[in-house]
C-alpha atoms as a PDB file:
ATOM      1  CA  MET A   1       0.004  -0.033   0.038  1.00  0.00           C
ATOM      2  CA  ILE A   2       1.403   3.352  -1.048  1.00  0.00           C
ATOM      3  CA  CYS A   3       0.613   6.249   1.207  1.00  0.00           C
ATOM      4  CA  MET A   4       1.394   9.645  -0.278  1.00  0.00           C
ATOM      5  CA  LYS A   5       0.910  13.131   1.056  1.00  0.00           C
ATOM      6  CA  LEU A   6       0.917  16.257  -1.117  1.00  0.00           C
ATOM      7  CA  VAL A   7       2.584  19.404   0.140  1.00  0.00           C
ATOM      8  CA  ILE A   8       1.869  22.611  -1.746  1.00  0.00           C
ATOM      9  CA  ASP A   9       4.355  25.461  -1.304  1.00  0.00           C
ATOM     10  CA  GLY A  10       3.463  28.342  -3.502  1.00  0.00           C
ATOM     11  CA  ASN A  11       3.772  27.028  -7.149  1.00  0.00           C
ATOM     12  CA  ALA A  12       5.748  23.926  -6.044  1.00  0.00           C
ATOM     13  CA  VAL A  13       4.009  20.667  -5.289  1.00  0.00           C
ATOM     14  CA  TYR A  14       5.826  17.800  -3.458  1.00  0.00           C
ATOM     15  CA  GLU A  15       4.773  14.199  -2.941  1.00  0.00           C
ATOM     16  CA  ILE A  16       5.803  12.732   0.351  1.00  0.00           C
ATOM     17  CA  ASP A  17       6.000   8.876   0.503  1.00  0.00           C
ATOM     18  CA  GLU A  18       4.773   8.120   4.028  1.00  0.00           C
ATOM     19  CA  ASP A  19       6.102   4.547   3.927  1.00  0.00           C
ATOM     20  CA  CYS A  20       9.590   5.735   3.060  1.00  0.00           C
ATOM     21  CA  MET A  21       9.442   8.366   5.847  1.00  0.00           C
ATOM     22  CA  GLU A  22       8.495   5.673   8.343  1.00  0.00           C
ATOM     23  CA  ARG A  23      11.358   3.435   7.304  1.00  0.00           C
ATOM     24  CA  ARG A  24      13.734   6.430   7.605  1.00  0.00           C
ATOM     25  CA  ARG A  25      12.416   7.285  10.984  1.00  0.00           C
ATOM     26  CA  ARG A  26      13.000   3.695  12.186  1.00  0.00           C
ATOM     27  CA  ARG A  27      16.542   3.665  10.805  1.00  0.00           C
ATOM     28  CA  LEU A  28      17.377   6.986  12.584  1.00  0.00           C
ATOM     29  CA  GLU A  29      15.946   5.677  15.776  1.00  0.00           C
ATOM     30  CA  GLU A  30      18.223   2.559  15.529  1.00  0.00           C
ATOM     31  CA  LEU A  31      21.102   4.796  14.794  1.00  0.00           C
ATOM     32  CA  GLU A  32      20.445   6.929  17.860  1.00  0.00           C
ATOM     33  CA  ARG A  33      20.028   3.725  19.977  1.00  0.00           C
ATOM     34  CA  ARG A  34      23.425   2.434  18.758  1.00  0.00           C
ATOM     35  CA  GLN A  35      25.127   5.778  19.536  1.00  0.00           C
ATOM     36  CA  GLY A  36      23.716   5.749  22.993  1.00  0.00           C
ATOM     37  CA  ASN A  37      25.286   2.347  23.554  1.00  0.00           C
ATOM     38  CA  GLY A  38      28.675   3.504  22.211  1.00  0.00           C
ATOM     39  CA  SER A  39      28.665   0.760  19.519  1.00  0.00           C
ATOM     40  CA  LEU A  40      28.081   2.788  16.384  1.00  0.00           C
ATOM     41  CA  GLU A  41      28.639   0.778  13.215  1.00  0.00           C
ATOM     42  CA  LYS A  42      28.943   2.382   9.812  1.00  0.00           C
ATOM     43  CA  THR A  43      25.594   2.523   8.058  1.00  0.00           C
ATOM     44  CA  GLU A  44      24.580   3.862   4.683  1.00  0.00           C
ATOM     45  CA  GLU A  45      23.747   7.169   6.293  1.00  0.00           C
ATOM     46  CA  THR A  46      27.033   7.534   8.101  1.00  0.00           C
ATOM     47  CA  LYS A  47      29.117   6.584   5.055  1.00  0.00           C
ATOM     48  CA  ASN A  48      28.139   9.650   3.050  1.00  0.00           C
END
């Protein structure tokens, strides 16, 4: 199921993929949890 949200900013229109945002939120929570434990491993987000 694809959940999309439209954001209108003046003449610009953006589509927000809710499922993707949820996955990103979970990855960031996991990263924060690992940092709190002092066992940070390189992930895709920290490589860039």
